[in-house]
Structures are given as structure tokens and as C-alpha cells.
């Protein structure tokens, strides 16, 4: 008996929440939008096997996408789940 695995990764993003924050890059208090990236590894191109999520913030002033600290990313993902945004 043989088992053959083939799959692909389906990646997408969604802007879920906006808030006023201080941006270190442009040194201003401005609106930031939190973006959630979701990657799913699909087996046989249909069945989702695993899902990973990541959160970044986009500054509306300098238009740069900022990586968040690991602890803050976890907190934001939990917050978005409670708010039923993801």
C-alpha cells in the first residue's frame, strides 16, 4: 500500500481593526490598521491540515507595515477571536 501526499498553501489577509497608536517610524500619533494573515496547508488541495495566523499593523501616515512583538501578536489574535473578527 502506498500513501502519497500532495498539497498546497492557501494564504490570505484581512484588515480587521483600526486604532490610534504611536508610530516609531514616522514619530507621530496616527491611525493604524491591524491586518491578520492566515495560511492554510491543504492536503490534496481540499482538506485543511493546519492553519497559522499572524498580525501586523499598517501605519496610515507613513504607509509602512510594522511587525508586532510576539506577546502583542498573541494578545491581538485572542482579542480578534473574542470580537468574532477572525
Protein backbone atom coordinates (compact mmCIF):
# COMPACT_ATOMS: atom_id res chain seq x y z
CA UNK A 1 0.00 0.00 0.00
CA UNK A 2 1.29 3.46 -0.91
CA UNK A 3 0.40 6.82 0.57
CA UNK A 4 1.09 9.89 -1.49
CA UNK A 5 0.68 13.38 0.00
CA UNK A 6 0.37 16.42 -2.15
CA UNK A 7 -0.80 19.78 -1.04
CA UNK A 8 -0.59 23.50 -1.40
CA UNK A 9 -0.65 26.53 0.83
CA UNK A 10 -3.55 28.94 0.67
CA UNK A 11 -2.63 32.35 2.10
CA UNK A 12 -4.89 35.35 2.57
CA UNK A 13 -5.07 38.51 4.64
CA UNK A 14 -7.85 40.56 6.19
CA UNK A 15 -7.83 44.05 7.68
CA UNK A 16 -9.77 43.62 10.91
CA UNK A 17 -9.41 46.57 13.28
CA UNK A 18 -8.17 50.19 13.41
CA UNK A 19 -6.85 52.15 16.35
CA UNK A 20 -4.83 55.31 17.15
CA UNK A 21 -1.23 54.37 18.05
CA UNK A 22 2.19 55.97 18.15
CA UNK A 23 4.37 55.04 15.17
CA UNK A 24 8.10 54.82 15.87
CA UNK A 25 8.94 55.01 12.17
CA UNK A 26 7.32 58.37 11.43
CA UNK A 27 7.21 59.59 15.08
CA UNK A 28 3.54 60.52 15.10
CA UNK A 29 0.31 59.51 16.80
CA UNK A 30 -1.79 58.21 13.92
CA UNK A 31 -4.34 55.60 12.92
CA UNK A 32 -3.08 52.03 12.44
CA UNK A 33 -4.95 49.14 10.87
CA UNK A 34 -4.31 45.62 12.14
CA UNK A 35 -4.01 43.02 9.39
CA UNK A 36 -4.36 39.28 10.05
CA UNK A 37 -2.52 36.89 7.74
CA UNK A 38 -3.87 33.35 7.62
CA UNK A 39 -2.05 30.46 5.93
CA UNK A 40 -3.67 27.06 5.46
CA UNK A 41 -1.80 24.00 4.33
CA UNK A 42 -4.26 21.95 2.31
CA UNK A 43 -3.79 18.25 1.72
CA UNK A 44 -4.90 17.07 -1.70
CA UNK A 45 -5.77 20.75 -2.38
CA UNK A 46 -9.07 20.40 -0.50
CA UNK A 47 -8.74 19.28 3.14
CA UNK A 48 -7.22 21.90 5.51
CA UNK A 49 -4.45 20.26 7.54
CA UNK A 50 -3.01 23.17 9.52
CA UNK A 51 -3.65 26.89 9.93
CA UNK A 52 -1.25 29.59 11.09
CA UNK A 53 -2.10 33.22 11.81
CA UNK A 54 -0.01 36.36 12.17
CA UNK A 55 -0.87 40.01 12.90
CA UNK A 56 0.82 43.17 11.62
CA UNK A 57 -0.04 46.86 11.89
CA UNK A 58 -0.14 49.30 8.98
CA UNK A 59 0.52 52.98 9.71
CA UNK A 60 -1.82 55.33 7.81
CA UNK A 61 0.73 58.16 7.89
CA UNK A 62 3.92 56.53 6.54
CA UNK A 63 2.11 53.50 4.99
CA UNK A 64 4.59 51.04 6.42
CA UNK A 65 3.66 47.60 7.67
CA UNK A 66 5.06 47.02 11.16
CA UNK A 67 5.79 43.69 12.80
CA UNK A 68 4.44 43.37 16.34
CA UNK A 69 6.14 41.73 19.30
CA UNK A 70 5.27 38.06 19.76
CA UNK A 71 3.39 38.70 23.02
CA UNK A 72 1.34 41.52 21.48
CA UNK A 73 0.55 39.39 18.41
CA UNK A 74 -0.87 36.66 20.66
CA UNK A 75 -2.94 39.19 22.61
CA UNK A 76 -4.32 40.77 19.44
CA UNK A 77 -5.25 37.39 17.93
CA UNK A 78 -7.14 36.48 21.12
CA UNK A 79 -8.86 39.87 21.12
CA UNK A 80 -9.95 39.46 17.48
CA UNK A 81 -11.25 35.95 18.17
CA UNK A 82 -13.36 37.24 21.09
CA UNK A 83 -14.71 40.01 18.85
CA UNK A 84 -15.53 37.38 16.15
CA UNK A 85 -13.42 39.21 13.58
CA UNK A 86 -11.42 36.14 12.60
